[in-house]
């Protein structure tokens, strides 16, 4: 499975679970994924199951984006995340920018699997 396909697969699961924000976020990631960044290159080396029953790469990456929001490092993401009103275009721009501007942060965040807090 490709990472783009894993994003789409996870988006379908989120849609079924009535999580529209995550559904849109994952579809944006699938559409705008950059394989030429440090993060993109690091994700490309994973083998085996990269979806929710394996390495959980889509959830690691979305977790990194959420960490940017919680740590106050991306005003554009903060403005695009709940509880703010949903604007697909603004979220797409914010995610595309964050994947480049915060490449190192998200890469570091994805190096460990999602955990319970």
PDB file of N, CA and C in Angstrom:
ATOM      1  N   UNK A   1       0.839  -1.178   0.000  1.00  0.00           N
ATOM      2  CA  UNK A   1       0.000   0.000   0.000  1.00  0.00           C
ATOM      3  C   UNK A   1       0.886   1.244   0.000  1.00  0.00           C
ATOM      4  N   UNK A   2       0.533   2.213  -0.809  1.00  0.00           N
ATOM      5  CA  UNK A   2       1.264   3.480  -0.825  1.00  0.00           C
ATOM      6  C   UNK A   2       0.779   4.352   0.332  1.00  0.00           C
ATOM      7  N   UNK A   3       1.553   5.368   0.659  1.00  0.00           N
ATOM      8  CA  UNK A   3       1.140   6.266   1.729  1.00  0.00           C
ATOM      9  C   UNK A   3      -0.119   7.030   1.329  1.00  0.00           C
ATOM     10  N   UNK A   4      -0.195   7.426   0.079  1.00  0.00           N
ATOM     11  CA  UNK A   4      -1.418   8.107  -0.379  1.00  0.00           C
ATOM     12  C   UNK A   4      -2.641   7.205  -0.180  1.00  0.00           C
ATOM     13  N   UNK A   5      -2.505   5.947  -0.492  1.00  0.00           N
ATOM     14  CA  UNK A   5      -3.602   4.996  -0.304  1.00  0.00           C
ATOM     15  C   UNK A   5      -3.906   4.799   1.184  1.00  0.00           C
ATOM     16  N   UNK A   6      -2.873   4.801   2.009  1.00  0.00           N
ATOM     17  CA  UNK A   6      -3.077   4.665   3.458  1.00  0.00           C
ATOM     18  C   UNK A   6      -3.826   5.872   4.021  1.00  0.00           C
ATOM     19  N   UNK A   7      -3.504   7.078   3.513  1.00  0.00           N
ATOM     20  CA  UNK A   7      -4.262   8.267   3.931  1.00  0.00           C
ATOM     21  C   UNK A   7      -5.731   8.110   3.551  1.00  0.00           C
ATOM     22  N   UNK A   8      -5.985   7.674   2.328  1.00  0.00           N
ATOM     23  CA  UNK A   8      -7.361   7.503   1.852  1.00  0.00           C
ATOM     24  C   UNK A   8      -8.098   6.439   2.668  1.00  0.00           C
ATOM     25  N   UNK A   9      -7.424   5.329   2.950  1.00  0.00           N
ATOM     26  CA  UNK A   9      -8.019   4.251   3.735  1.00  0.00           C
ATOM     27  C   UNK A   9      -8.391   4.749   5.132  1.00  0.00           C
ATOM     28  N   UNK A  10      -7.486   5.488   5.758  1.00  0.00           N
ATOM     29  CA  UNK A  10      -7.761   6.034   7.085  1.00  0.00           C
ATOM     30  C   UNK A  10      -8.884   7.066   7.013  1.00  0.00           C
ATOM     31  N   UNK A  11      -8.942   7.846   5.927  1.00  0.00           N
ATOM     32  CA  UNK A  11     -10.016   8.829   5.747  1.00  0.00           C
ATOM     33  C   UNK A  11     -11.379   8.143   5.706  1.00  0.00           C
ATOM     34  N   UNK A  12     -11.458   7.022   5.012  1.00  0.00           N
ATOM     35  CA  UNK A  12     -12.718   6.273   4.941  1.00  0.00           C
ATOM     36  C   UNK A  12     -13.132   5.822   6.339  1.00  0.00           C
ATOM     37  N   UNK A  13     -12.179   5.342   7.123  1.00  0.00           N
ATOM     38  CA  UNK A  13     -12.487   4.923   8.499  1.00  0.00           C
ATOM     39  C   UNK A  13     -13.004   6.103   9.317  1.00  0.00           C
ATOM     40  N   UNK A  14     -12.368   7.254   9.167  1.00  0.00           N
ATOM     41  CA  UNK A  14     -12.801   8.447   9.908  1.00  0.00           C
ATOM     42  C   UNK A  14     -14.186   8.900   9.474  1.00  0.00           C
ATOM     43  N   UNK A  15     -14.461   8.799   8.182  1.00  0.00           N
ATOM     44  CA  UNK A  15     -15.786   9.152   7.677  1.00  0.00           C
ATOM     45  C   UNK A  15     -16.836   8.236   8.293  1.00  0.00           C
ATOM     46  N   UNK A  16     -16.545   6.951   8.349  1.00  0.00           N
ATOM     47  CA  UNK A  16     -17.486   5.975   8.926  1.00  0.00           C
ATOM     48  C   UNK A  16     -17.705   6.227  10.411  1.00  0.00           C
ATOM     49  N   UNK A  17     -16.685   6.750  11.081  1.00  0.00           N
ATOM     50  CA  UNK A  17     -16.780   7.031  12.512  1.00  0.00           C
ATOM     51  C   UNK A  17     -17.326   8.426  12.795  1.00  0.00           C
ATOM     52  N   UNK A  18     -17.825   9.086  11.748  1.00  0.00           N
ATOM     53  CA  UNK A  18     -18.406  10.424  11.847  1.00  0.00           C
ATOM     54  C   UNK A  18     -17.396  11.431  12.392  1.00  0.00           C
ATOM     55  N   UNK A  19     -16.201  11.405  11.801  1.00  0.00           N
ATOM     56  CA  UNK A  19     -15.146  12.357  12.145  1.00  0.00           C
ATOM     57  C   UNK A  19     -14.788  13.139  10.882  1.00  0.00           C
ATOM     58  N   UNK A  20     -15.648  14.106  10.508  1.00  0.00           N
ATOM     59  CA  UNK A  20     -15.457  14.791   9.234  1.00  0.00           C
ATOM     60  C   UNK A  20     -14.155  15.593   9.147  1.00  0.00           C
ATOM     61  N   UNK A  21     -13.709  16.190  10.242  1.00  0.00           N
ATOM     62  CA  UNK A  21     -12.465  16.950  10.171  1.00  0.00           C
ATOM     63  C   UNK A  21     -11.301  16.043   9.802  1.00  0.00           C
ATOM     64  N   UNK A  22     -11.185  14.906  10.486  1.00  0.00           N
ATOM     65  CA  UNK A  22     -10.080  13.980  10.194  1.00  0.00           C
ATOM     66  C   UNK A  22     -10.215  13.397   8.791  1.00  0.00           C
ATOM     67  N   UNK A  23     -11.423  13.134   8.370  1.00  0.00           N
ATOM     68  CA  UNK A  23     -11.660  12.665   7.011  1.00  0.00           C
ATOM     69  C   UNK A  23     -11.077  13.667   6.010  1.00  0.00           C
ATOM     70  N   UNK A  24     -11.417  14.941   6.155  1.00  0.00           N
ATOM     71  CA  UNK A  24     -10.909  15.974   5.248  1.00  0.00           C
ATOM     72  C   UNK A  24      -9.398  16.137   5.366  1.00  0.00           C
ATOM     73  N   UNK A  25      -8.883  16.137   6.593  1.00  0.00           N
ATOM     74  CA  UNK A  25      -7.447  16.292   6.809  1.00  0.00           C
ATOM     75  C   UNK A  25      -6.668  15.187   6.102  1.00  0.00           C
ATOM     76  N   UNK A  26      -7.097  13.963   6.246  1.00  0.00           N
ATOM     77  CA  UNK A  26      -6.414  12.832   5.614  1.00  0.00           C
ATOM     78  C   UNK A  26      -6.498  12.885   4.095  1.00  0.00           C
ATOM     79  N   UNK A  27      -7.624  13.306   3.567  1.00  0.00           N
ATOM     80  CA  UNK A  27      -7.755  13.448   2.106  1.00  0.00           C
ATOM     81  C   UNK A  27      -6.867  14.583   1.584  1.00  0.00           C
ATOM     82  N   UNK A  28      -6.739  15.648   2.368  1.00  0.00           N
ATOM     83  CA  UNK A  28      -5.817  16.739   2.001  1.00  0.00           C
ATOM     84  C   UNK A  28      -4.384  16.223   1.986  1.00  0.00           C
ATOM     85  N   UNK A  29      -4.016  15.439   2.989  1.00  0.00           N
ATOM     86  CA  UNK A  29      -2.667  14.870   3.026  1.00  0.00           C
ATOM     87  C   UNK A  29      -2.420  13.972   1.815  1.00  0.00           C
ATOM     88  N   UNK A  30      -3.407  13.168   1.467  1.00  0.00           N
ATOM     89  CA  UNK A  30      -3.261  12.296   0.303  1.00  0.00           C
ATOM     90  C   UNK A  30      -3.036  13.112  -0.960  1.00  0.00           C
ATOM     91  N   UNK A  31      -3.801  14.163  -1.117  1.00  0.00           N
ATOM     92  CA  UNK A  31      -3.720  14.995  -2.318  1.00  0.00           C
ATOM     93  C   UNK A  31      -2.422  15.801  -2.384  1.00  0.00           C
ATOM     94  N   UNK A  32      -1.933  16.252  -1.241  1.00  0.00           N
ATOM     95  CA  UNK A  32      -0.808  17.186  -1.199  1.00  0.00           C
ATOM     96  C   UNK A  32       0.495  16.582  -0.676  1.00  0.00           C
ATOM     97  N   UNK A  33       0.565  15.271  -0.557  1.00  0.00           N
ATOM     98  CA  UNK A  33       1.754  14.644   0.022  1.00  0.00           C
ATOM     99  C   UNK A  33       2.990  14.950  -0.813  1.00  0.00           C
ATOM    100  N   UNK A  34       4.048  15.327  -0.138  1.00  0.00           N
ATOM    101  CA  UNK A  34       5.316  15.652  -0.797  1.00  0.00           C
ATOM    102  C   UNK A  34       6.340  14.575  -0.449  1.00  0.00           C
ATOM    103  N   UNK A  35       6.750  13.822  -1.422  1.00  0.00           N
ATOM    104  CA  UNK A  35       7.715  12.746  -1.174  1.00  0.00           C
ATOM    105  C   UNK A  35       9.156  13.244  -1.184  1.00  0.00           C
ATOM    106  N   UNK A  36       9.382  14.510  -1.551  1.00  0.00           N
ATOM    107  CA  UNK A  36      10.742  15.027  -1.658  1.00  0.00           C
ATOM    108  C   UNK A  36      11.228  15.759  -0.403  1.00  0.00           C
ATOM    109  N   UNK A  37      10.415  15.794   0.673  1.00  0.00           N
ATOM    110  CA  UNK A  37      10.845  16.409   1.927  1.00  0.00           C
ATOM    111  C   UNK A  37      11.542  15.352   2.789  1.00  0.00           C
ATOM    112  N   UNK A  38      12.167  15.798   3.874  1.00  0.00           N
ATOM    113  CA  UNK A  38      12.772  14.834   4.811  1.00  0.00           C
ATOM    114  C   UNK A  38      11.708  13.873   5.321  1.00  0.00           C
ATOM    115  N   UNK A  39      10.554  14.425   5.671  1.00  0.00           N
ATOM    116  CA  UNK A  39       9.448  13.594   6.155  1.00  0.00           C
ATOM    117  C   UNK A  39       9.011  12.605   5.089  1.00  0.00           C
ATOM    118  N   UNK A  40       8.817  13.087   3.877  1.00  0.00           N
ATOM    119  CA  UNK A  40       8.395  12.214   2.783  1.00  0.00           C
ATOM    120  C   UNK A  40       9.378  11.090   2.524  1.00  0.00           C
ATOM    121  N   UNK A  41      10.653  11.408   2.530  1.00  0.00           N
ATOM    122  CA  UNK A  41      11.689  10.391   2.316  1.00  0.00           C
ATOM    123  C   UNK A  41      11.729   9.399   3.465  1.00  0.00           C
ATOM    124  N   UNK A  42      11.563   9.882   4.697  1.00  0.00           N
ATOM    125  CA  UNK A  42      11.579   8.986   5.860  1.00  0.00           C
ATOM    126  C   UNK A  42      10.389   8.037   5.850  1.00  0.00           C
ATOM    127  N   UNK A  43       9.223   8.536   5.437  1.00  0.00           N
ATOM    128  CA  UNK A  43       8.038   7.683   5.406  1.00  0.00           C
ATOM    129  C   UNK A  43       8.146   6.632   4.294  1.00  0.00           C
ATOM    130  N   UNK A  44       8.871   6.952   3.233  1.00  0.00           N
ATOM    131  CA  UNK A  44       9.001   6.038   2.099  1.00  0.00           C
ATOM    132  C   UNK A  44       9.802   4.789   2.424  1.00  0.00           C
ATOM    133  N   UNK A  45      10.606   4.832   3.476  1.00  0.00           N
ATOM    134  CA  UNK A  45      11.446   3.654   3.785  1.00  0.00           C
ATOM    135  C   UNK A  45      10.714   2.599   4.611  1.00  0.00           C
ATOM    136  N   UNK A  46       9.528   2.931   5.129  1.00  0.00           N
ATOM    137  CA  UNK A  46       8.778   1.944   5.898  1.00  0.00           C
ATOM    138  C   UNK A  46       8.317   0.821   4.979  1.00  0.00           C
ATOM    139  N   UNK A  47       8.379  -0.373   5.478  1.00  0.00           N
ATOM    140  CA  UNK A  47       7.915  -1.543   4.724  1.00  0.00           C
ATOM    141  C   UNK A  47       6.796  -2.223   5.511  1.00  0.00           C
ATOM    142  N   UNK A  48       6.107  -3.087   4.834  1.00  0.00           N
ATOM    143  CA  UNK A  48       5.023  -3.797   5.491  1.00  0.00           C
ATOM    144  C   UNK A  48       3.782  -2.943   5.584  1.00  0.00           C
ATOM    145  N   UNK A  49       2.978  -3.219   6.596  1.00  0.00           N
ATOM    146  CA  UNK A  49       1.700  -2.539   6.787  1.00  0.00           C
ATOM    147  C   UNK A  49       1.942  -1.140   7.350  1.00  0.00           C
ATOM    148  N   UNK A  50       1.641  -0.116   6.563  1.00  0.00           N
ATOM    149  CA  UNK A  50       1.834   1.268   7.021  1.00  0.00           C
ATOM    150  C   UNK A  50       0.523   1.884   7.503  1.00  0.00           C
ATOM    151  N   UNK A  51      -0.549   1.113   7.427  1.00  0.00           N
ATOM    152  CA  UNK A  51      -1.869   1.592   7.836  1.00  0.00           C
ATOM    153  C   UNK A  51      -2.126   1.401   9.321  1.00  0.00           C
ATOM    154  N   UNK A  52      -3.397   1.457   9.724  1.00  0.00           N
ATOM    155  CA  UNK A  52      -3.756   1.453  11.142  1.00  0.00           C
ATOM    156  C   UNK A  52      -3.430   0.159  11.893  1.00  0.00           C
ATOM    157  N   UNK A  53      -3.271  -0.943  11.209  1.00  0.00           N
ATOM    158  CA  UNK A  53      -2.917  -2.187  11.906  1.00  0.00           C
ATOM    159  C   UNK A  53      -1.416  -2.445  11.894  1.00  0.00           C
ATOM    160  N   UNK A  54      -0.655  -1.505  11.342  1.00  0.00           N
ATOM    161  CA  UNK A  54       0.799  -1.647  11.284  1.00  0.00           C
ATOM    162  C   UNK A  54       1.494  -0.427  11.855  1.00  0.00           C
ATOM    163  N   UNK A  55       2.270   0.230  11.028  1.00  0.00           N
ATOM    164  CA  UNK A  55       3.065   1.379  11.458  1.00  0.00           C
ATOM    165  C   UNK A  55       2.228   2.632  11.745  1.00  0.00           C
ATOM    166  N   UNK A  56       1.005   2.663  11.307  1.00  0.00           N
ATOM    167  CA  UNK A  56       0.079   3.793  11.532  1.00  0.00           C
ATOM    168  C   UNK A  56       0.639   5.130  11.052  1.00  0.00           C
ATOM    169  N   UNK A  57       1.258   5.140   9.875  1.00  0.00           N
ATOM    170  CA  UNK A  57       1.863   6.373   9.380  1.00  0.00           C
ATOM    171  C   UNK A  57       0.870   7.527   9.235  1.00  0.00           C
ATOM    172  N   UNK A  58      -0.340   7.297   8.711  1.00  0.00           N
ATOM    173  CA  UNK A  58      -1.279   8.427   8.625  1.00  0.00           C
ATOM    174  C   UNK A  58      -1.570   9.044   9.992  1.00  0.00           C
ATOM    175  N   UNK A  59      -1.729   8.208  11.011  1.00  0.00           N
ATOM    176  CA  UNK A  59      -2.024   8.742  12.341  1.00  0.00           C
ATOM    177  C   UNK A  59      -0.802   9.403  12.959  1.00  0.00           C
ATOM    178  N   UNK A  60       0.376   8.897  12.685  1.00  0.00           N
ATOM    179  CA  UNK A  60       1.591   9.559  13.179  1.00  0.00           C
ATOM    180  C   UNK A  60       1.717  10.957  12.571  1.00  0.00           C
ATOM    181  N   UNK A  61       1.459  11.062  11.280  1.00  0.00           N
ATOM    182  CA  UNK A  61       1.602  12.345  10.593  1.00  0.00           C
ATOM    183  C   UNK A  61       0.530  13.328  11.066  1.00  0.00           C
ATOM    184  N   UNK A  62      -0.707  12.865  11.161  1.00  0.00           N
ATOM    185  CA  UNK A  62      -1.755  13.767  11.661  1.00  0.00           C
ATOM    186  C   UNK A  62      -1.492  14.127  13.116  1.00  0.00           C
ATOM    187  N   UNK A  63      -0.901  13.217  13.869  1.00  0.00           N
ATOM    188  CA  UNK A  63      -0.514  13.523  15.245  1.00  0.00           C
ATOM    189  C   UNK A  63       0.532  14.625  15.299  1.00  0.00           C
ATOM    190  N   UNK A  64       1.475  14.602  14.359  1.00  0.00           N
ATOM    191  CA  UNK A  64       2.479  15.649  14.274  1.00  0.00           C
ATOM    192  C   UNK A  64       1.867  17.000  13.954  1.00  0.00           C
ATOM    193  N   UNK A  65       0.894  17.006  13.049  1.00  0.00           N
ATOM    194  CA  UNK A  65       0.198  18.258  12.728  1.00  0.00           C
ATOM    195  C   UNK A  65      -0.566  18.779  13.947  1.00  0.00           C
ATOM    196  N   UNK A  66      -1.222  17.875  14.662  1.00  0.00           N
ATOM    197  CA  UNK A  66      -1.958  18.262  15.858  1.00  0.00           C
ATOM    198  C   UNK A  66      -1.001  18.786  16.930  1.00  0.00           C
ATOM    199  N   UNK A  67       0.173  18.196  17.035  1.00  0.00           N
ATOM    200  CA  UNK A  67       1.178  18.676  17.994  1.00  0.00           C
ATOM    201  C   UNK A  67       1.608  20.108  17.664  1.00  0.00           C
ATOM    202  N   UNK A  68       1.678  20.435  16.382  1.00  0.00           N
ATOM    203  CA  UNK A  68       1.980  21.815  15.980  1.00  0.00           C
ATOM    204  C   UNK A  68       0.896  22.769  16.482  1.00  0.00           C
ATOM    205  N   UNK A  69      -0.342  22.328  16.409  1.00  0.00           N
ATOM    206  CA  UNK A  69      -1.457  23.140  16.891  1.00  0.00           C
ATOM    207  C   UNK A  69      -1.349  23.312  18.411  1.00  0.00           C
ATOM    208  N   UNK A  70      -1.194  22.208  19.117  1.00  0.00           N
ATOM    209  CA  UNK A  70      -1.164  22.260  20.578  1.00  0.00           C
ATOM    210  C   UNK A  70       0.019  23.048  21.121  1.00  0.00           C
ATOM    211  N   UNK A  71       1.127  23.032  20.406  1.00  0.00           N
ATOM    212  CA  UNK A  71       2.321  23.751  20.857  1.00  0.00           C
ATOM    213  C   UNK A  71       2.360  25.192  20.359  1.00  0.00           C
ATOM    214  N   UNK A  72       1.347  25.603  19.591  1.00  0.00           N
ATOM    215  CA  UNK A  72       1.246  26.974  19.117  1.00  0.00           C
ATOM    216  C   UNK A  72       2.255  27.350  18.043  1.00  0.00           C
ATOM    217  N   UNK A  73       2.754  26.372  17.305  1.00  0.00           N
ATOM    218  CA  UNK A  73       3.796  26.628  16.319  1.00  0.00           C
ATOM    219  C   UNK A  73       3.287  26.997  14.932  1.00  0.00           C
ATOM    220  N   UNK A  74       2.002  26.840  14.687  1.00  0.00           N
ATOM    221  CA  UNK A  74       1.461  27.149  13.360  1.00  0.00           C
ATOM    222  C   UNK A  74       0.123  27.868  13.493  1.00  0.00           C
ATOM    223  N   UNK A  75       0.166  29.181  13.353  1.00  0.00           N
ATOM    224  CA  UNK A  75      -1.063  29.968  13.451  1.00  0.00           C
ATOM    225  C   UNK A  75      -2.089  29.553  12.403  1.00  0.00           C
ATOM    226  N   UNK A  76      -1.622  29.219  11.210  1.00  0.00           N
ATOM    227  CA  UNK A  76      -2.548  28.822  10.143  1.00  0.00           C
ATOM    228  C   UNK A  76      -3.257  27.515  10.480  1.00  0.00           C
ATOM    229  N   UNK A  77      -2.526  26.550  11.043  1.00  0.00           N
ATOM    230  CA  UNK A  77      -3.176  25.301  11.454  1.00  0.00           C
ATOM    231  C   UNK A  77      -4.131  25.555  12.612  1.00  0.00           C
ATOM    232  N   UNK A  78      -3.697  26.355  13.577  1.00  0.00           N
ATOM    233  CA  UNK A  78      -4.559  26.656  14.722  1.00  0.00           C
ATOM    234  C   UNK A  78      -5.886  27.237  14.235  1.00  0.00           C
ATOM    235  N   UNK A  79      -5.816  28.162  13.301  1.00  0.00           N
ATOM    236  CA  UNK A  79      -7.028  28.795  12.775  1.00  0.00           C
ATOM    237  C   UNK A  79      -7.904  27.829  11.990  1.00  0.00           C
ATOM    238  N   UNK A  80      -7.311  26.741  11.505  1.00  0.00           N
ATOM    239  CA  UNK A  80      -8.040  25.787  10.660  1.00  0.00           C
ATOM    240  C   UNK A  80      -8.548  24.565  11.420  1.00  0.00           C
ATOM    241  N   UNK A  81      -8.098  24.386  12.651  1.00  0.00           N
ATOM    242  CA  UNK A  81      -8.487  23.228  13.448  1.00  0.00           C
ATOM    243  C   UNK A  81      -9.698  23.560  14.317  1.00  0.00           C
ATOM    244  N   UNK A  82     -10.480  22.520  14.647  1.00  0.00           N
ATOM    245  CA  UNK A  82     -11.572  22.729  15.589  1.00  0.00           C
ATOM    246  C   UNK A  82     -11.014  23.304  16.896  1.00  0.00           C
ATOM    247  N   UNK A  83     -11.762  24.145  17.543  1.00  0.00           N
ATOM    248  CA  UNK A  83     -13.196  24.392  17.375  1.00  0.00           C
ATOM    249  C   UNK A  83     -13.520  25.475  16.356  1.00  0.00           C
ATOM    250  N   UNK A  84     -12.538  25.946  15.603  1.00  0.00           N
ATOM    251  CA  UNK A  84     -12.786  26.983  14.605  1.00  0.00           C
ATOM    252  C   UNK A  84     -13.640  26.433  13.467  1.00  0.00           C
ATOM    253  N   UNK A  85     -14.331  27.322  12.777  1.00  0.00           N
ATOM    254  CA  UNK A  85     -15.177  26.937  11.649  1.00  0.00           C
ATOM    255  C   UNK A  85     -14.330  26.258  10.575  1.00  0.00           C
ATOM    256  N   UNK A  86     -14.892  25.238   9.955  1.00  0.00           N
ATOM    257  CA  UNK A  86     -14.167  24.476   8.941  1.00  0.00           C
ATOM    258  C   UNK A  86     -14.158  25.218   7.611  1.00  0.00           C
ATOM    259  N   UNK A  87     -12.960  25.375   7.066  1.00  0.00           N
ATOM    260  CA  UNK A  87     -12.763  25.968   5.743  1.00  0.00           C
ATOM    261  C   UNK A  87     -11.757  25.083   5.019  1.00  0.00           C
ATOM    262  N   UNK A  88     -12.261  24.280   4.078  1.00  0.00           N
ATOM    263  CA  UNK A  88     -11.415  23.299   3.390  1.00  0.00           C
ATOM    264  C   UNK A  88     -10.194  23.945   2.742  1.00  0.00           C
ATOM    265  N   UNK A  89     -10.385  25.047   2.051  1.00  0.00           N
ATOM    266  CA  UNK A  89      -9.263  25.707   1.361  1.00  0.00           C
ATOM    267  C   UNK A  89      -8.205  26.193   2.344  1.00  0.00           C
ATOM    268  N   UNK A  90      -8.636  26.803   3.439  1.00  0.00           N
ATOM    269  CA  UNK A  90      -7.683  27.295   4.445  1.00  0.00           C
ATOM    270  C   UNK A  90      -6.916  26.135   5.070  1.00  0.00           C
ATOM    271  N   UNK A  91      -7.615  25.032   5.343  1.00  0.00           N
ATOM    272  CA  UNK A  91      -6.945  23.867   5.917  1.00  0.00           C
ATOM    273  C   UNK A  91      -5.936  23.291   4.934  1.00  0.00           C
ATOM    274  N   UNK A  92      -6.302  23.209   3.670  1.00  0.00           N
ATOM    275  CA  UNK A  92      -5.386  22.677   2.665  1.00  0.00           C
ATOM    276  C   UNK A  92      -4.123  23.534   2.562  1.00  0.00           C
ATOM    277  N   UNK A  93      -4.270  24.838   2.569  1.00  0.00           N
ATOM    278  CA  UNK A  93      -3.116  25.733   2.511  1.00  0.00           C
ATOM    279  C   UNK A  93      -2.264  25.579   3.771  1.00  0.00           C
ATOM    280  N   UNK A  94      -2.908  25.532   4.924  1.00  0.00           N
ATOM    281  CA  UNK A  94      -2.176  25.407   6.189  1.00  0.00           C
ATOM    282  C   UNK A  94      -1.405  24.098   6.264  1.00  0.00           C
ATOM    283  N   UNK A  95      -2.022  23.011   5.847  1.00  0.00           N
ATOM    284  CA  UNK A  95      -1.352  21.701   5.872  1.00  0.00           C
ATOM    285  C   UNK A  95      -0.186  21.688   4.891  1.00  0.00           C
ATOM    286  N   UNK A  96      -0.407  22.165   3.684  1.00  0.00           N
ATOM    287  CA  UNK A  96       0.668  22.195   2.677  1.00  0.00           C
ATOM    288  C   UNK A  96       1.856  23.003   3.176  1.00  0.00           C
ATOM    289  N   UNK A  97       1.584  24.131   3.810  1.00  0.00           N
ATOM    290  CA  UNK A  97       2.658  24.960   4.353  1.00  0.00           C
ATOM    291  C   UNK A  97       3.358  24.256   5.514  1.00  0.00           C
ATOM    292  N   UNK A  98       2.591  23.662   6.414  1.00  0.00           N
ATOM    293  CA  UNK A  98       3.168  22.996   7.589  1.00  0.00           C
ATOM    294  C   UNK A  98       4.073  21.834   7.199  1.00  0.00           C
ATOM    295  N   UNK A  99       3.706  21.096   6.154  1.00  0.00           N
ATOM    296  CA  UNK A  99       4.519  19.955   5.733  1.00  0.00           C
ATOM    297  C   UNK A  99       5.912  20.387   5.288  1.00  0.00           C
ATOM    298  N   UNK A 100       6.046  21.606   4.833  1.00  0.00           N
ATOM    299  CA  UNK A 100       7.349  22.132   4.409  1.00  0.00           C
ATOM    300  C   UNK A 100       8.019  22.897   5.555  1.00  0.00           C
ATOM    301  N   UNK A 101       7.288  23.837   6.134  1.00  0.00           N
ATOM    302  CA  UNK A 101       7.868  24.718   7.155  1.00  0.00           C
ATOM    303  C   UNK A 101       8.228  23.983   8.444  1.00  0.00           C
ATOM    304  N   UNK A 102       7.506  22.913   8.747  1.00  0.00           N
ATOM    305  CA  UNK A 102       7.730  22.178   9.996  1.00  0.00           C
ATOM    306  C   UNK A 102       8.140  20.730   9.730  1.00  0.00           C
ATOM    307  N   UNK A 103       8.823  20.535   8.629  1.00  0.00           N
ATOM    308  CA  UNK A 103       9.262  19.205   8.201  1.00  0.00           C
ATOM    309  C   UNK A 103      10.017  18.475   9.312  1.00  0.00           C
ATOM    310  N   UNK A 104      10.999  19.135   9.906  1.00  0.00           N
ATOM    311  CA  UNK A 104      11.816  18.494  10.955  1.00  0.00           C
ATOM    312  C   UNK A 104      10.979  18.131  12.174  1.00  0.00           C
ATOM    313  N   UNK A 105      10.104  19.042  12.600  1.00  0.00           N
ATOM    314  CA  UNK A 105       9.262  18.789  13.773  1.00  0.00           C
ATOM    315  C   UNK A 105       8.360  17.579  13.538  1.00  0.00           C
ATOM    316  N   UNK A 106       7.672  17.565  12.398  1.00  0.00           N
ATOM    317  CA  UNK A 106       6.748  16.456  12.120  1.00  0.00           C
ATOM    318  C   UNK A 106       7.532  15.160  11.976  1.00  0.00           C
ATOM    319  N   UNK A 107       8.679  15.206  11.331  1.00  0.00           N
ATOM    320  CA  UNK A 107       9.512  14.007  11.197  1.00  0.00           C
ATOM    321  C   UNK A 107       9.877  13.453  12.564  1.00  0.00           C
ATOM    322  N   UNK A 108      10.336  14.320  13.453  1.00  0.00           N
ATOM    323  CA  UNK A 108      10.690  13.862  14.805  1.00  0.00           C
ATOM    324  C   UNK A 108       9.473  13.272  15.510  1.00  0.00           C
ATOM    325  N   UNK A 109       8.329  13.918  15.351  1.00  0.00           N
ATOM    326  CA  UNK A 109       7.092  13.454  15.991  1.00  0.00           C
ATOM    327  C   UNK A 109       6.716  12.048  15.505  1.00  0.00           C
ATOM    328  N   UNK A 110       6.966  11.752  14.243  1.00  0.00           N
ATOM    329  CA  UNK A 110       6.519  10.471  13.674  1.00  0.00           C
ATOM    330  C   UNK A 110       7.444   9.307  13.998  1.00  0.00           C
ATOM    331  N   UNK A 111       8.537   9.556  14.643  1.00  0.00           N
ATOM    332  CA  UNK A 111       9.506   8.494  14.897  1.00  0.00           C
ATOM    333  C   UNK A 111       9.057   7.500  15.948  1.00  0.00           C
ATOM    334  N   UNK A 112       8.022   7.825  16.698  1.00  0.00           N
ATOM    335  CA  UNK A 112       7.462   6.895  17.684  1.00  0.00           C
ATOM    336  C   UNK A 112       6.003   6.648  17.332  1.00  0.00           C
ATOM    337  N   UNK A 113       5.522   5.441  17.576  1.00  0.00           N
ATOM    338  CA  UNK A 113       4.122   5.151  17.267  1.00  0.00           C
ATOM    339  C   UNK A 113       3.190   5.934  18.190  1.00  0.00           C
ATOM    340  N   UNK A 114       1.944   6.135  17.754  1.00  0.00           N
ATOM    341  CA  UNK A 114       0.958   6.799  18.628  1.00  0.00           C
ATOM    342  C   UNK A 114       0.824   6.043  19.941  1.00  0.00           C
ATOM    343  N   UNK A 115       0.697   6.777  21.025  1.00  0.00           N
ATOM    344  CA  UNK A 115       0.584   6.159  22.337  1.00  0.00           C
ATOM    345  C   UNK A 115      -0.629   6.715  23.073  1.00  0.00           C
ATOM    346  N   UNK A 116      -1.013   6.014  24.106  1.00  0.00           N
ATOM    347  CA  UNK A 116      -2.086   6.511  24.973  1.00  0.00           C
ATOM    348  C   UNK A 116      -1.484   7.544  25.908  1.00  0.00           C
ATOM    349  N   UNK A 117      -2.208   8.603  26.148  1.00  0.00           N
ATOM    350  CA  UNK A 117      -1.744   9.650  27.072  1.00  0.00           C
ATOM    351  C   UNK A 117      -2.358   9.447  28.419  1.00  0.00           C
TER     352      UNK A 117
END
